[in-house]
Structures are given as C-alpha cells and as structure tokens.
Amino acid sequence: MPHEFFLDRNLGRKVADELRALGWAVHRIGDVFPSDAQDISDQDWIAHGLDQGWVPLSKDGRIKTRDLEIQPVFDRSAVLFYLNNQQLRSIEMVERLHLCRDAILRAVDKGGPAAYAVGADGIERTWP
C-alpha cells in the first residue's frame, strides 16, 4: 500500500492539490477537522494522522523541539517531515517535496521515532 501523508494547515490547499497531481496520496488537515483545524493543537492533528497511518508533513520545524507536540511521533515510533525553509512559495514547496520523495519514502520505511528536515539537497534527520 502506498504511503499517505497528512498535510499541516500551513502548507495550504495548493500544495496538497499539486502533490496529488504528482501522484502523492495526501490528506489536508482542513478536510479532516472543521474550521481548517484552527482549534486543533499540533499534538492532536499529528496523533490523529498517525493513528490513520498517515505521515505528517509540515513547514514548522519547531514541532520537534516541543515535547508535547513531538510526543505522538515518539509514542508511535513514527516519522515526521518538515520543510527547512518557511519562506518558500507553494510551487517551491511542491518541487522540494517531490524532489525528495524517494528519500522521504525510504525514511518512512526505516521507521522512527524521527523528524526530518526537507531541504533543497535532500532530507536530514534532525530529531531525536
């Protein structure tokens, strides 16, 4: 079964649509939670996605530094990915994620707990 990804609100609808067009199986946080998940904590959306078997994608690398927010990744020996540059335009986010797709899939298959930064030159494990 192909891996499915759960996109944080901060990645936006366009990123989800473009990744789908490239063959990614993605779920938007706003499709799962009401009000575009404005009242949902990072800990809760990450836990929900992991419980569905979805890999969390964000552009907020600070999640890995917050004990409560990274706890679901630790508890489930899962993997989380985030873009290492929060200033990218949507198309740049898509290009970067798609360029790193094979490395991302290998990291998911390797398992966790782990958090990875997705950069222009690949992925880098940044936690624990």
C-alpha atoms as a PDB file:
ATOM      1  CA  MET A   1       0.000   0.000   0.000  1.00  0.00           C
ATOM      2  CA  PRO A   2       1.475   3.415  -0.871  1.00  0.00           C
ATOM      3  CA  HIS A   3       2.282   5.828   1.899  1.00  0.00           C
ATOM      4  CA  GLU A   4      -0.261   8.530   2.675  1.00  0.00           C
ATOM      5  CA  PHE A   5       0.651  11.949   4.016  1.00  0.00           C
ATOM      6  CA  PHE A   6      -1.194  14.353   6.304  1.00  0.00           C
ATOM      7  CA  LEU A   7      -0.509  17.997   5.488  1.00  0.00           C
ATOM      8  CA  ASP A   8      -0.474  20.663   8.148  1.00  0.00           C
ATOM      9  CA  ARG A   9      -2.646  23.707   7.506  1.00  0.00           C
ATOM     10  CA  ASN A  10       0.466  25.833   6.936  1.00  0.00           C
ATOM     11  CA  LEU A  11       1.214  24.021   3.662  1.00  0.00           C
ATOM     12  CA  GLY A  12      -2.030  25.181   2.088  1.00  0.00           C
ATOM     13  CA  ARG A  13      -4.529  23.787  -0.400  1.00  0.00           C
ATOM     14  CA  LYS A  14      -2.376  24.446  -3.469  1.00  0.00           C
ATOM     15  CA  VAL A  15       0.480  22.291  -2.174  1.00  0.00           C
ATOM     16  CA  ALA A  16      -1.952  19.437  -1.491  1.00  0.00           C
ATOM     17  CA  ASP A  17      -3.514  19.753  -4.952  1.00  0.00           C
ATOM     18  CA  GLU A  18      -0.150  19.856  -6.714  1.00  0.00           C
ATOM     19  CA  LEU A  19       1.216  16.869  -4.779  1.00  0.00           C
ATOM     20  CA  ARG A  20      -1.924  14.901  -5.661  1.00  0.00           C
ATOM     21  CA  ALA A  21      -1.392  15.766  -9.314  1.00  0.00           C
ATOM     22  CA  LEU A  22       2.098  14.274  -8.993  1.00  0.00           C
ATOM     23  CA  GLY A  23       0.677  11.024  -7.609  1.00  0.00           C
ATOM     24  CA  TRP A  24       1.049  11.611  -3.885  1.00  0.00           C
ATOM     25  CA  ALA A  25      -1.683  10.349  -1.557  1.00  0.00           C
ATOM     26  CA  VAL A  26      -2.289  13.343   0.700  1.00  0.00           C
ATOM     27  CA  HIS A  27      -4.913  14.444   3.195  1.00  0.00           C
ATOM     28  CA  ARG A  28      -5.372  18.089   4.160  1.00  0.00           C
ATOM     29  CA  ILE A  29      -5.922  18.926   7.805  1.00  0.00           C
ATOM     30  CA  GLY A  30      -8.861  21.128   6.728  1.00  0.00           C
ATOM     31  CA  ASP A  31     -10.552  18.114   5.120  1.00  0.00           C
ATOM     32  CA  VAL A  32     -10.464  16.247   8.425  1.00  0.00           C
ATOM     33  CA  PHE A  33     -11.116  18.911  11.054  1.00  0.00           C
ATOM     34  CA  PRO A  34     -13.716  21.709  10.997  1.00  0.00           C
ATOM     35  CA  SER A  35     -12.734  25.373  10.616  1.00  0.00           C
ATOM     36  CA  ASP A  36      -9.497  24.379   8.864  1.00  0.00           C
ATOM     37  CA  ALA A  37      -8.317  22.924  12.193  1.00  0.00           C
ATOM     38  CA  GLN A  38      -7.825  26.370  13.742  1.00  0.00           C
ATOM     39  CA  ASP A  39      -8.680  24.950  17.179  1.00  0.00           C
ATOM     40  CA  ILE A  40      -6.671  21.727  16.841  1.00  0.00           C
ATOM     41  CA  SER A  41      -3.289  21.505  18.550  1.00  0.00           C
ATOM     42  CA  ASP A  42      -0.234  20.193  16.706  1.00  0.00           C
ATOM     43  CA  GLN A  43      -0.180  17.278  19.118  1.00  0.00           C
ATOM     44  CA  ASP A  44      -3.779  16.355  18.227  1.00  0.00           C
ATOM     45  CA  TRP A  45      -3.548  16.606  14.439  1.00  0.00           C
ATOM     46  CA  ILE A  46      -0.263  14.702  14.401  1.00  0.00           C
ATOM     47  CA  ALA A  47      -1.693  11.959  16.638  1.00  0.00           C
ATOM     48  CA  HIS A  48      -4.854  11.731  14.520  1.00  0.00           C
ATOM     49  CA  GLY A  49      -2.885  11.414  11.297  1.00  0.00           C
ATOM     50  CA  LEU A  50      -0.514   8.826  12.717  1.00  0.00           C
ATOM     51  CA  ASP A  51      -3.475   6.807  14.015  1.00  0.00           C
ATOM     52  CA  GLN A  52      -4.749   6.686  10.408  1.00  0.00           C
ATOM     53  CA  GLY A  53      -1.324   5.555   9.204  1.00  0.00           C
ATOM     54  CA  TRP A  54      -0.623   8.942   7.569  1.00  0.00           C
ATOM     55  CA  VAL A  55       2.820  10.560   7.648  1.00  0.00           C
ATOM     56  CA  PRO A  56       2.718  14.168   8.937  1.00  0.00           C
ATOM     57  CA  LEU A  57       4.152  16.924   6.715  1.00  0.00           C
ATOM     58  CA  SER A  58       4.589  20.482   7.952  1.00  0.00           C
ATOM     59  CA  LYS A  59       6.710  23.541   7.415  1.00  0.00           C
ATOM     60  CA  ASP A  60       7.057  24.151  11.152  1.00  0.00           C
ATOM     61  CA  GLY A  61      10.324  22.576  12.236  1.00  0.00           C
ATOM     62  CA  ARG A  62       9.795  23.863  15.768  1.00  0.00           C
ATOM     63  CA  ILE A  63       7.384  20.965  16.360  1.00  0.00           C
ATOM     64  CA  LYS A  64      10.358  18.689  17.006  1.00  0.00           C
ATOM     65  CA  THR A  65      11.515  20.956  19.842  1.00  0.00           C
ATOM     66  CA  ARG A  66       8.214  20.928  21.710  1.00  0.00           C
ATOM     67  CA  ASP A  67       7.825  17.864  23.898  1.00  0.00           C
ATOM     68  CA  LEU A  68       4.017  17.698  23.767  1.00  0.00           C
ATOM     69  CA  GLU A  69       3.862  18.150  20.005  1.00  0.00           C
ATOM     70  CA  ILE A  70       6.516  15.563  19.142  1.00  0.00           C
ATOM     71  CA  GLN A  71       5.199  13.046  21.703  1.00  0.00           C
ATOM     72  CA  PRO A  72       2.813  11.281  19.253  1.00  0.00           C
ATOM     73  CA  VAL A  73       5.751  10.660  16.895  1.00  0.00           C
ATOM     74  CA  PHE A  74       7.775   9.223  19.762  1.00  0.00           C
ATOM     75  CA  ASP A  75       4.911   7.117  21.142  1.00  0.00           C
ATOM     76  CA  ARG A  76       4.180   5.535  17.748  1.00  0.00           C
ATOM     77  CA  SER A  77       7.814   5.225  16.592  1.00  0.00           C
ATOM     78  CA  ALA A  78       6.720   7.281  13.610  1.00  0.00           C
ATOM     79  CA  VAL A  79       8.337   9.771  11.274  1.00  0.00           C
ATOM     80  CA  LEU A  80       7.518  13.462  10.710  1.00  0.00           C
ATOM     81  CA  PHE A  81       8.796  15.696   7.903  1.00  0.00           C
ATOM     82  CA  TYR A  82       9.006  19.473   7.683  1.00  0.00           C
ATOM     83  CA  LEU A  83      10.345  21.936   5.156  1.00  0.00           C
ATOM     84  CA  ASN A  84      13.541  23.597   6.348  1.00  0.00           C
ATOM     85  CA  ASN A  85      12.559  26.953   4.830  1.00  0.00           C
ATOM     86  CA  GLN A  86       9.252  28.540   5.822  1.00  0.00           C
ATOM     87  CA  GLN A  87       9.555  31.280   3.199  1.00  0.00           C
ATOM     88  CA  LEU A  88       9.125  29.084   0.106  1.00  0.00           C
ATOM     89  CA  ARG A  89       6.344  29.751  -2.380  1.00  0.00           C
ATOM     90  CA  SER A  90       3.827  26.931  -2.871  1.00  0.00           C
ATOM     91  CA  ILE A  91       5.401  25.725  -6.107  1.00  0.00           C
ATOM     92  CA  GLU A  92       8.828  25.628  -4.430  1.00  0.00           C
ATOM     93  CA  MET A  93       7.401  23.558  -1.560  1.00  0.00           C
ATOM     94  CA  VAL A  94       5.942  21.083  -4.039  1.00  0.00           C
ATOM     95  CA  GLU A  95       9.163  20.885  -6.043  1.00  0.00           C
ATOM     96  CA  ARG A  96      11.252  20.328  -2.927  1.00  0.00           C
ATOM     97  CA  LEU A  97       8.974  17.629  -1.525  1.00  0.00           C
ATOM     98  CA  HIS A  98       8.672  15.851  -4.859  1.00  0.00           C
ATOM     99  CA  LEU A  99      12.423  16.005  -5.491  1.00  0.00           C
ATOM    100  CA  CYS A 100      12.971  14.324  -2.102  1.00  0.00           C
ATOM    101  CA  ARG A 101      10.121  11.826  -2.474  1.00  0.00           C
ATOM    102  CA  ASP A 102      12.308   8.707  -2.753  1.00  0.00           C
ATOM    103  CA  ALA A 103      14.373   9.710   0.287  1.00  0.00           C
ATOM    104  CA  ILE A 104      11.187  10.515   2.206  1.00  0.00           C
ATOM    105  CA  LEU A 105       9.705   7.115   1.397  1.00  0.00           C
ATOM    106  CA  ARG A 106      12.921   5.351   2.441  1.00  0.00           C
ATOM    107  CA  ALA A 107      12.887   7.233   5.760  1.00  0.00           C
ATOM    108  CA  VAL A 108       9.243   6.286   6.354  1.00  0.00           C
ATOM    109  CA  ASP A 109      10.067   2.637   5.648  1.00  0.00           C
ATOM    110  CA  LYS A 110      13.033   2.828   8.039  1.00  0.00           C
ATOM    111  CA  GLY A 111      10.704   3.987  10.798  1.00  0.00           C
ATOM    112  CA  GLY A 112      11.221   6.160  13.792  1.00  0.00           C
ATOM    113  CA  PRO A 113      10.823   7.899  16.019  1.00  0.00           C
ATOM    114  CA  ALA A 114      12.376  10.567  13.831  1.00  0.00           C
ATOM    115  CA  ALA A 115      11.868  14.038  12.393  1.00  0.00           C
ATOM    116  CA  TYR A 116      13.451  15.076   9.114  1.00  0.00           C
ATOM    117  CA  ALA A 117      14.062  18.453   7.534  1.00  0.00           C
ATOM    118  CA  VAL A 118      13.324  18.507   3.807  1.00  0.00           C
ATOM    119  CA  GLY A 119      15.854  20.742   2.104  1.00  0.00           C
ATOM    120  CA  ALA A 120      16.923  21.635  -1.405  1.00  0.00           C
ATOM    121  CA  ASP A 121      19.597  18.919  -1.324  1.00  0.00           C
ATOM    122  CA  GLY A 122      17.610  16.117   0.334  1.00  0.00           C
ATOM    123  CA  ILE A 123      16.413  15.227   3.787  1.00  0.00           C
ATOM    124  CA  GLU A 124      18.280  15.416   7.079  1.00  0.00           C
ATOM    125  CA  ARG A 125      17.341  13.694  10.309  1.00  0.00           C
ATOM    126  CA  THR A 126      17.063  16.382  12.986  1.00  0.00           C
ATOM    127  CA  TRP A 127      15.399  14.549  15.876  1.00  0.00           C
ATOM    128  CA  PRO A 128      15.942  12.776  18.207  1.00  0.00           C
END
